[in-house]
Amino acid sequence: TVEDALEQLDRHLDAAMLAGLPWVHIIHGKGTGALRQAVRDFLSRHPLVRSFRPGGDGEGGEGVTIAVLSEE
Protein backbone atom coordinates (compact mmCIF):
# COMPACT_ATOMS: atom_id res chain seq x y z
CA THR A 1 0.00 0.00 0.00
CA VAL A 2 1.00 3.64 -0.24
CA GLU A 3 1.16 3.82 3.56
CA ASP A 4 3.60 0.89 3.65
CA ALA A 5 5.74 2.51 0.97
CA LEU A 6 5.89 5.79 2.91
CA GLU A 7 6.87 3.97 6.11
CA GLN A 8 9.71 2.28 4.20
CA LEU A 9 10.72 5.60 2.69
CA ASP A 10 10.86 7.19 6.14
CA ARG A 11 13.18 4.43 7.39
CA HIS A 12 15.33 4.75 4.25
CA LEU A 13 15.69 8.52 4.71
CA ASP A 14 16.75 8.02 8.34
CA ALA A 15 19.34 5.43 7.31
CA ALA A 16 20.64 7.62 4.48
CA MET A 17 21.06 10.56 6.84
CA LEU A 18 22.89 8.41 9.42
CA ALA A 19 25.17 7.14 6.63
CA GLY A 20 25.98 10.72 5.64
CA LEU A 21 24.51 10.47 2.15
CA PRO A 22 23.83 13.83 0.50
CA TRP A 23 20.86 12.60 -1.55
CA VAL A 24 18.77 9.54 -2.39
CA HIS A 25 17.07 8.23 -5.52
CA ILE A 26 13.50 7.11 -4.82
CA ILE A 27 12.19 4.77 -7.50
CA HIS A 28 8.39 4.84 -7.45
CA GLY A 29 7.71 4.04 -11.10
CA LYS A 30 5.42 5.87 -13.48
CA GLY A 31 2.12 3.97 -13.26
CA THR A 32 -0.94 6.04 -12.38
CA GLY A 33 1.13 8.64 -10.54
CA ALA A 34 -0.57 8.00 -7.18
CA LEU A 35 2.59 6.72 -5.49
CA ARG A 36 4.73 9.43 -7.10
CA GLN A 37 2.41 12.13 -5.76
CA ALA A 38 2.24 10.54 -2.30
CA VAL A 39 6.05 10.32 -2.18
CA ARG A 40 6.48 13.95 -3.22
CA ASP A 41 3.85 15.15 -0.75
CA PHE A 42 5.63 13.18 1.98
CA LEU A 43 9.03 14.63 1.03
CA SER A 44 7.67 18.18 1.00
CA ARG A 45 7.06 18.01 4.76
CA HIS A 46 9.82 15.61 5.86
CA PRO A 47 12.30 17.28 8.24
CA LEU A 48 15.34 15.48 6.77
CA VAL A 49 14.65 16.60 3.19
CA ARG A 50 16.01 19.94 2.02
CA SER A 51 14.64 19.68 -1.54
CA PHE A 52 13.56 17.19 -4.18
CA ARG A 53 13.11 17.01 -7.92
CA PRO A 54 11.99 14.60 -10.62
CA GLY A 55 14.67 12.42 -12.14
CA GLY A 56 16.22 13.83 -15.27
CA ASP A 57 17.20 12.16 -18.53
CA GLY A 58 19.35 9.18 -17.66
CA GLU A 59 18.10 9.17 -14.04
CA GLY A 60 14.72 7.54 -14.58
CA GLY A 61 12.62 10.57 -15.52
CA GLU A 62 9.21 10.80 -13.87
CA GLY A 63 9.61 7.28 -12.45
CA VAL A 64 12.20 8.58 -9.99
CA THR A 65 12.35 11.38 -7.43
CA ILE A 66 15.70 12.63 -6.15
CA ALA A 67 15.68 13.96 -2.60
CA VAL A 68 18.48 16.16 -1.27
CA LEU A 69 18.97 15.62 2.44
CA SER A 70 19.48 18.35 5.01
CA GLU A 71 23.00 18.84 6.29
CA GLU A 72 21.93 18.80 9.94
PDB file of N, CA and C in Angstrom:
ATOM      1  N   THR A   1       0.839  -1.194   0.000  1.00  0.00           N
ATOM      2  CA  THR A   1       0.000   0.000   0.000  1.00  0.00           C
ATOM      3  C   THR A   1       0.878   1.250   0.000  1.00  0.00           C
ATOM      4  N   VAL A   2       0.273   2.373  -0.271  1.00  0.00           N
ATOM      5  CA  VAL A   2       0.996   3.644  -0.238  1.00  0.00           C
ATOM      6  C   VAL A   2       1.529   3.901   1.167  1.00  0.00           C
ATOM      7  N   GLU A   3       0.731   3.601   2.185  1.00  0.00           N
ATOM      8  CA  GLU A   3       1.162   3.816   3.564  1.00  0.00           C
ATOM      9  C   GLU A   3       2.410   2.996   3.883  1.00  0.00           C
ATOM     10  N   ASP A   4       2.431   1.740   3.437  1.00  0.00           N
ATOM     11  CA  ASP A   4       3.602   0.887   3.654  1.00  0.00           C
ATOM     12  C   ASP A   4       4.829   1.460   2.952  1.00  0.00           C
ATOM     13  N   ALA A   5       4.636   1.935   1.738  1.00  0.00           N
ATOM     14  CA  ALA A   5       5.744   2.514   0.974  1.00  0.00           C
ATOM     15  C   ALA A   5       6.304   3.747   1.678  1.00  0.00           C
ATOM     16  N   LEU A   6       5.427   4.579   2.222  1.00  0.00           N
ATOM     17  CA  LEU A   6       5.890   5.787   2.907  1.00  0.00           C
ATOM     18  C   LEU A   6       6.607   5.456   4.213  1.00  0.00           C
ATOM     19  N   GLU A   7       6.170   4.407   4.899  1.00  0.00           N
ATOM     20  CA  GLU A   7       6.875   3.966   6.108  1.00  0.00           C
ATOM     21  C   GLU A   7       8.281   3.491   5.753  1.00  0.00           C
ATOM     22  N   GLN A   8       8.395   2.734   4.657  1.00  0.00           N
ATOM     23  CA  GLN A   8       9.708   2.278   4.202  1.00  0.00           C
ATOM     24  C   GLN A   8      10.575   3.457   3.799  1.00  0.00           C
ATOM     25  N   LEU A   9       9.987   4.412   3.111  1.00  0.00           N
ATOM     26  CA  LEU A   9      10.724   5.597   2.691  1.00  0.00           C
ATOM     27  C   LEU A   9      11.248   6.359   3.906  1.00  0.00           C
ATOM     28  N   ASP A  10      10.439   6.497   4.931  1.00  0.00           N
ATOM     29  CA  ASP A  10      10.863   7.192   6.143  1.00  0.00           C
ATOM     30  C   ASP A  10      12.080   6.506   6.761  1.00  0.00           C
ATOM     31  N   ARG A  11      12.044   5.187   6.848  1.00  0.00           N
ATOM     32  CA  ARG A  11      13.183   4.433   7.390  1.00  0.00           C
ATOM     33  C   ARG A  11      14.419   4.602   6.506  1.00  0.00           C
ATOM     34  N   HIS A  12      14.215   4.599   5.192  1.00  0.00           N
ATOM     35  CA  HIS A  12      15.329   4.755   4.247  1.00  0.00           C
ATOM     36  C   HIS A  12      15.963   6.140   4.383  1.00  0.00           C
ATOM     37  N   LEU A  13      15.153   7.164   4.542  1.00  0.00           N
ATOM     38  CA  LEU A  13      15.687   8.519   4.710  1.00  0.00           C
ATOM     39  C   LEU A  13      16.497   8.626   6.000  1.00  0.00           C
ATOM     40  N   ASP A  14      16.000   8.026   7.074  1.00  0.00           N
ATOM     41  CA  ASP A  14      16.748   8.019   8.340  1.00  0.00           C
ATOM     42  C   ASP A  14      18.102   7.333   8.168  1.00  0.00           C
ATOM     43  N   ALA A  15      18.101   6.177   7.514  1.00  0.00           N
ATOM     44  CA  ALA A  15      19.341   5.428   7.311  1.00  0.00           C
ATOM     45  C   ALA A  15      20.311   6.198   6.420  1.00  0.00           C
ATOM     46  N   ALA A  16      19.793   6.840   5.390  1.00  0.00           N
ATOM     47  CA  ALA A  16      20.644   7.620   4.485  1.00  0.00           C
ATOM     48  C   ALA A  16      21.284   8.786   5.218  1.00  0.00           C
ATOM     49  N   MET A  17      20.520   9.438   6.072  1.00  0.00           N
ATOM     50  CA  MET A  17      21.057  10.559   6.839  1.00  0.00           C
ATOM     51  C   MET A  17      22.151  10.072   7.794  1.00  0.00           C
ATOM     52  N   LEU A  18      21.897   8.968   8.491  1.00  0.00           N
ATOM     53  CA  LEU A  18      22.889   8.413   9.417  1.00  0.00           C
ATOM     54  C   LEU A  18      24.163   7.993   8.688  1.00  0.00           C
ATOM     55  N   ALA A  19      24.015   7.557   7.437  1.00  0.00           N
ATOM     56  CA  ALA A  19      25.167   7.138   6.633  1.00  0.00           C
ATOM     57  C   ALA A  19      25.905   8.327   6.021  1.00  0.00           C
ATOM     58  N   GLY A  20      25.341   9.524   6.171  1.00  0.00           N
ATOM     59  CA  GLY A  20      25.985  10.715   5.637  1.00  0.00           C
ATOM     60  C   GLY A  20      25.787  10.929   4.150  1.00  0.00           C
ATOM     61  N   LEU A  21      24.766  10.299   3.589  1.00  0.00           N
ATOM     62  CA  LEU A  21      24.511  10.467   2.155  1.00  0.00           C
ATOM     63  C   LEU A  21      23.927  11.849   1.882  1.00  0.00           C
ATOM     64  N   PRO A  22      24.353  12.497   0.803  1.00  0.00           N
ATOM     65  CA  PRO A  22      23.831  13.830   0.499  1.00  0.00           C
ATOM     66  C   PRO A  22      22.459  13.810  -0.173  1.00  0.00           C
ATOM     67  N   TRP A  23      22.131  12.701  -0.845  1.00  0.00           N
ATOM     68  CA  TRP A  23      20.856  12.604  -1.551  1.00  0.00           C
ATOM     69  C   TRP A  23      20.495  11.139  -1.748  1.00  0.00           C
ATOM     70  N   VAL A  24      19.241  10.894  -2.091  1.00  0.00           N
ATOM     71  CA  VAL A  24      18.769   9.539  -2.387  1.00  0.00           C
ATOM     72  C   VAL A  24      17.907   9.563  -3.641  1.00  0.00           C
ATOM     73  N   HIS A  25      17.980   8.474  -4.395  1.00  0.00           N
ATOM     74  CA  HIS A  25      17.069   8.235  -5.518  1.00  0.00           C
ATOM     75  C   HIS A  25      15.903   7.426  -4.976  1.00  0.00           C
ATOM     76  N   ILE A  26      14.694   7.850  -5.237  1.00  0.00           N
ATOM     77  CA  ILE A  26      13.505   7.113  -4.820  1.00  0.00           C
ATOM     78  C   ILE A  26      12.818   6.641  -6.094  1.00  0.00           C
ATOM     79  N   ILE A  27      12.787   5.337  -6.297  1.00  0.00           N
ATOM     80  CA  ILE A  27      12.187   4.767  -7.501  1.00  0.00           C
ATOM     81  C   ILE A  27      10.757   4.369  -7.170  1.00  0.00           C
ATOM     82  N   HIS A  28       9.801   5.120  -7.710  1.00  0.00           N
ATOM     83  CA  HIS A  28       8.393   4.841  -7.454  1.00  0.00           C
ATOM     84  C   HIS A  28       7.668   4.395  -8.711  1.00  0.00           C
ATOM     85  N   GLY A  29       8.324   4.442  -9.840  1.00  0.00           N
ATOM     86  CA  GLY A  29       7.707   4.044 -11.097  1.00  0.00           C
ATOM     87  C   GLY A  29       6.775   5.120 -11.635  1.00  0.00           C
ATOM     88  N   LYS A  30       6.289   4.890 -12.832  1.00  0.00           N
ATOM     89  CA  LYS A  30       5.417   5.875 -13.480  1.00  0.00           C
ATOM     90  C   LYS A  30       3.955   5.567 -13.201  1.00  0.00           C
ATOM     91  N   GLY A  31       3.482   4.410 -13.560  1.00  0.00           N
ATOM     92  CA  GLY A  31       2.121   3.967 -13.255  1.00  0.00           C
ATOM     93  C   GLY A  31       1.061   5.046 -13.359  1.00  0.00           C
ATOM     94  N   THR A  32       0.161   5.065 -12.384  1.00  0.00           N
ATOM     95  CA  THR A  32      -0.936   6.041 -12.379  1.00  0.00           C
ATOM     96  C   THR A  32      -0.497   7.388 -11.821  1.00  0.00           C
ATOM     97  N   GLY A  33       0.639   7.406 -11.154  1.00  0.00           N
ATOM     98  CA  GLY A  33       1.126   8.639 -10.542  1.00  0.00           C
ATOM     99  C   GLY A  33       0.721   8.793  -9.088  1.00  0.00           C
ATOM    100  N   ALA A  34      -0.099   7.882  -8.573  1.00  0.00           N
ATOM    101  CA  ALA A  34      -0.569   7.997  -7.185  1.00  0.00           C
ATOM    102  C   ALA A  34       0.587   7.869  -6.196  1.00  0.00           C
ATOM    103  N   LEU A  35       1.459   6.894  -6.401  1.00  0.00           N
ATOM    104  CA  LEU A  35       2.588   6.715  -5.493  1.00  0.00           C
ATOM    105  C   LEU A  35       3.577   7.868  -5.643  1.00  0.00           C
ATOM    106  N   ARG A  36       3.829   8.293  -6.871  1.00  0.00           N
ATOM    107  CA  ARG A  36       4.729   9.431  -7.097  1.00  0.00           C
ATOM    108  C   ARG A  36       4.239  10.658  -6.337  1.00  0.00           C
ATOM    109  N   GLN A  37       2.956  10.958  -6.438  1.00  0.00           N
ATOM    110  CA  GLN A  37       2.408  12.130  -5.760  1.00  0.00           C
ATOM    111  C   GLN A  37       2.472  11.978  -4.247  1.00  0.00           C
ATOM    112  N   ALA A  38       2.178  10.779  -3.749  1.00  0.00           N
ATOM    113  CA  ALA A  38       2.245  10.540  -2.302  1.00  0.00           C
ATOM    114  C   ALA A  38       3.677  10.707  -1.801  1.00  0.00           C
ATOM    115  N   VAL A  39       4.644  10.195  -2.561  1.00  0.00           N
ATOM    116  CA  VAL A  39       6.055  10.324  -2.182  1.00  0.00           C
ATOM    117  C   VAL A  39       6.451  11.790  -2.142  1.00  0.00           C
ATOM    118  N   ARG A  40       6.084  12.538  -3.162  1.00  0.00           N
ATOM    119  CA  ARG A  40       6.482  13.947  -3.220  1.00  0.00           C
ATOM    120  C   ARG A  40       5.782  14.778  -2.149  1.00  0.00           C
ATOM    121  N   ASP A  41       4.537  14.465  -1.849  1.00  0.00           N
ATOM    122  CA  ASP A  41       3.847  15.150  -0.746  1.00  0.00           C
ATOM    123  C   ASP A  41       4.555  14.859   0.579  1.00  0.00           C
ATOM    124  N   PHE A  42       4.926  13.601   0.772  1.00  0.00           N
ATOM    125  CA  PHE A  42       5.631  13.179   1.984  1.00  0.00           C
ATOM    126  C   PHE A  42       6.968  13.907   2.112  1.00  0.00           C
ATOM    127  N   LEU A  43       7.727  13.962   1.013  1.00  0.00           N
ATOM    128  CA  LEU A  43       9.033  14.626   1.029  1.00  0.00           C
ATOM    129  C   LEU A  43       8.909  16.114   1.316  1.00  0.00           C
ATOM    130  N   SER A  44       7.829  16.725   0.847  1.00  0.00           N
ATOM    131  CA  SER A  44       7.670  18.177   1.003  1.00  0.00           C
ATOM    132  C   SER A  44       7.560  18.599   2.464  1.00  0.00           C
ATOM    133  N   ARG A  45       7.200  17.664   3.339  1.00  0.00           N
ATOM    134  CA  ARG A  45       7.064  18.013   4.756  1.00  0.00           C
ATOM    135  C   ARG A  45       7.991  17.194   5.663  1.00  0.00           C
ATOM    136  N   HIS A  46       8.909  16.436   5.057  1.00  0.00           N
ATOM    137  CA  HIS A  46       9.820  15.611   5.860  1.00  0.00           C
ATOM    138  C   HIS A  46      10.976  16.467   6.372  1.00  0.00           C
ATOM    139  N   PRO A  47      11.271  16.406   7.670  1.00  0.00           N
ATOM    140  CA  PRO A  47      12.304  17.279   8.240  1.00  0.00           C
ATOM    141  C   PRO A  47      13.727  16.989   7.760  1.00  0.00           C
ATOM    142  N   LEU A  48      13.995  15.810   7.235  1.00  0.00           N
ATOM    143  CA  LEU A  48      15.342  15.483   6.772  1.00  0.00           C
ATOM    144  C   LEU A  48      15.588  15.875   5.317  1.00  0.00           C
ATOM    145  N   VAL A  49      14.541  16.313   4.619  1.00  0.00           N
ATOM    146  CA  VAL A  49      14.651  16.602   3.187  1.00  0.00           C
ATOM    147  C   VAL A  49      14.734  18.104   2.957  1.00  0.00           C
ATOM    148  N   ARG A  50      15.829  18.528   2.342  1.00  0.00           N
ATOM    149  CA  ARG A  50      16.010  19.943   2.018  1.00  0.00           C
ATOM    150  C   ARG A  50      15.260  20.310   0.740  1.00  0.00           C
ATOM    151  N   SER A  51      15.332  19.431  -0.273  1.00  0.00           N
ATOM    152  CA  SER A  51      14.641  19.676  -1.539  1.00  0.00           C
ATOM    153  C   SER A  51      14.498  18.351  -2.276  1.00  0.00           C
ATOM    154  N   PHE A  52      13.706  18.371  -3.332  1.00  0.00           N
ATOM    155  CA  PHE A  52      13.562  17.187  -4.175  1.00  0.00           C
ATOM    156  C   PHE A  52      13.182  17.633  -5.571  1.00  0.00           C
ATOM    157  N   ARG A  53      13.422  16.728  -6.530  1.00  0.00           N
ATOM    158  CA  ARG A  53      13.109  17.013  -7.921  1.00  0.00           C
ATOM    159  C   ARG A  53      12.850  15.713  -8.657  1.00  0.00           C
ATOM    160  N   PRO A  54      12.158  15.795  -9.790  1.00  0.00           N
ATOM    161  CA  PRO A  54      11.993  14.596 -10.618  1.00  0.00           C
ATOM    162  C   PRO A  54      13.344  14.164 -11.178  1.00  0.00           C
ATOM    163  N   GLY A  55      13.463  12.894 -11.480  1.00  0.00           N
ATOM    164  CA  GLY A  55      14.671  12.419 -12.140  1.00  0.00           C
ATOM    165  C   GLY A  55      14.780  13.036 -13.524  1.00  0.00           C
ATOM    166  N   GLY A  56      15.986  13.271 -13.947  1.00  0.00           N
ATOM    167  CA  GLY A  56      16.223  13.825 -15.272  1.00  0.00           C
ATOM    168  C   GLY A  56      16.459  12.726 -16.293  1.00  0.00           C
ATOM    169  N   ASP A  57      16.830  13.126 -17.501  1.00  0.00           N
ATOM    170  CA  ASP A  57      17.201  12.156 -18.529  1.00  0.00           C
ATOM    171  C   ASP A  57      18.372  11.337 -18.009  1.00  0.00           C
ATOM    172  N   GLY A  58      18.293  10.048 -18.142  1.00  0.00           N
ATOM    173  CA  GLY A  58      19.351   9.177 -17.661  1.00  0.00           C
ATOM    174  C   GLY A  58      19.258   8.850 -16.180  1.00  0.00           C
ATOM    175  N   GLU A  59      18.283   9.438 -15.476  1.00  0.00           N
ATOM    176  CA  GLU A  59      18.099   9.166 -14.040  1.00  0.00           C
ATOM    177  C   GLU A  59      16.798   8.421 -13.762  1.00  0.00           C
ATOM    178  N   GLY A  60      15.986   8.226 -14.771  1.00  0.00           N
ATOM    179  CA  GLY A  60      14.717   7.544 -14.578  1.00  0.00           C
ATOM    180  C   GLY A  60      13.509   8.411 -14.849  1.00  0.00           C
ATOM    181  N   GLY A  61      13.725   9.676 -15.175  1.00  0.00           N
ATOM    182  CA  GLY A  61      12.619  10.573 -15.517  1.00  0.00           C
ATOM    183  C   GLY A  61      11.573  10.658 -14.423  1.00  0.00           C
ATOM    184  N   GLU A  62      10.314  10.661 -14.827  1.00  0.00           N
ATOM    185  CA  GLU A  62       9.205  10.798 -13.874  1.00  0.00           C
ATOM    186  C   GLU A  62       8.985   9.558 -13.014  1.00  0.00           C
ATOM    187  N   GLY A  63       9.717   8.485 -13.278  1.00  0.00           N
ATOM    188  CA  GLY A  63       9.611   7.283 -12.452  1.00  0.00           C
ATOM    189  C   GLY A  63      10.492   7.329 -11.218  1.00  0.00           C
ATOM    190  N   VAL A  64      11.241   8.433 -11.084  1.00  0.00           N
ATOM    191  CA  VAL A  64      12.196   8.583  -9.985  1.00  0.00           C
ATOM    192  C   VAL A  64      12.059   9.981  -9.395  1.00  0.00           C
ATOM    193  N   THR A  65      12.232  10.086  -8.094  1.00  0.00           N
ATOM    194  CA  THR A  65      12.354  11.385  -7.432  1.00  0.00           C
ATOM    195  C   THR A  65      13.686  11.389  -6.699  1.00  0.00           C
ATOM    196  N   ILE A  66      14.412  12.483  -6.819  1.00  0.00           N
ATOM    197  CA  ILE A  66      15.701  12.627  -6.150  1.00  0.00           C
ATOM    198  C   ILE A  66      15.522  13.609  -5.003  1.00  0.00           C
ATOM    199  N   ALA A  67      15.820  13.136  -3.801  1.00  0.00           N
ATOM    200  CA  ALA A  67      15.675  13.962  -2.602  1.00  0.00           C
ATOM    201  C   ALA A  67      17.055  14.345  -2.088  1.00  0.00           C
ATOM    202  N   VAL A  68      17.244  15.644  -1.859  1.00  0.00           N
ATOM    203  CA  VAL A  68      18.481  16.158  -1.273  1.00  0.00           C
ATOM    204  C   VAL A  68      18.247  16.266   0.230  1.00  0.00           C
ATOM    205  N   LEU A  69      19.136  15.655   0.990  1.00  0.00           N
ATOM    206  CA  LEU A  69      18.969  15.623   2.439  1.00  0.00           C
ATOM    207  C   LEU A  69      19.540  16.871   3.095  1.00  0.00           C
ATOM    208  N   SER A  70      18.973  17.224   4.223  1.00  0.00           N
ATOM    209  CA  SER A  70      19.475  18.352   5.008  1.00  0.00           C
ATOM    210  C   SER A  70      20.868  18.024   5.512  1.00  0.00           C
ATOM    211  N   GLU A  71      21.633  19.047   5.813  1.00  0.00           N
ATOM    212  CA  GLU A  71      23.003  18.839   6.285  1.00  0.00           C
ATOM    213  C   GLU A  71      23.080  18.775   7.801  1.00  0.00           C
ATOM    214  N   GLU A  72      21.959  18.796   8.477  1.00  0.00           N
ATOM    215  CA  GLU A  72      21.932  18.797   9.943  1.00  0.00           C
ATOM    216  C   GLU A  72      22.202  17.425  10.504  1.00  0.00           C
TER     217      GLU A  72
END
